[in-house]
């Protein structure tokens, strides 16, 4: 059982929280979290956490080792790459939007 429960050292090194419920790829967008996750203290010593986030990143179309390499070379760019490759839908458009960002939905098809 000890192999499945992460040590207190890994919890601290990786910046995870035992009391959180659920997991989201949104945490990979947090530059501070990604810095801790990719730090050698976590990445090289905490296989359970890394495996979990490796699979989570893969689900978003991101290769975690590439994200970590980008984190160290250009942290702001790595976040942009993650966002653009995630395939996430943009947020809703305000009814007051104008100009290039205004979007109108097509009229529904008539029902005969």
Foldseek 3Di string as FASTA:
>chain_A
DVVQDWDPQLCVQQVHDPPDDDDACVLVLDLVNLQSCLDCSHVVPPVNVVVVNCVRLVQQVHHSVVLSVCSVVPVVVSSVVSVVSRPDDDDDDDPPDDDPPDDDDDDDDDDD
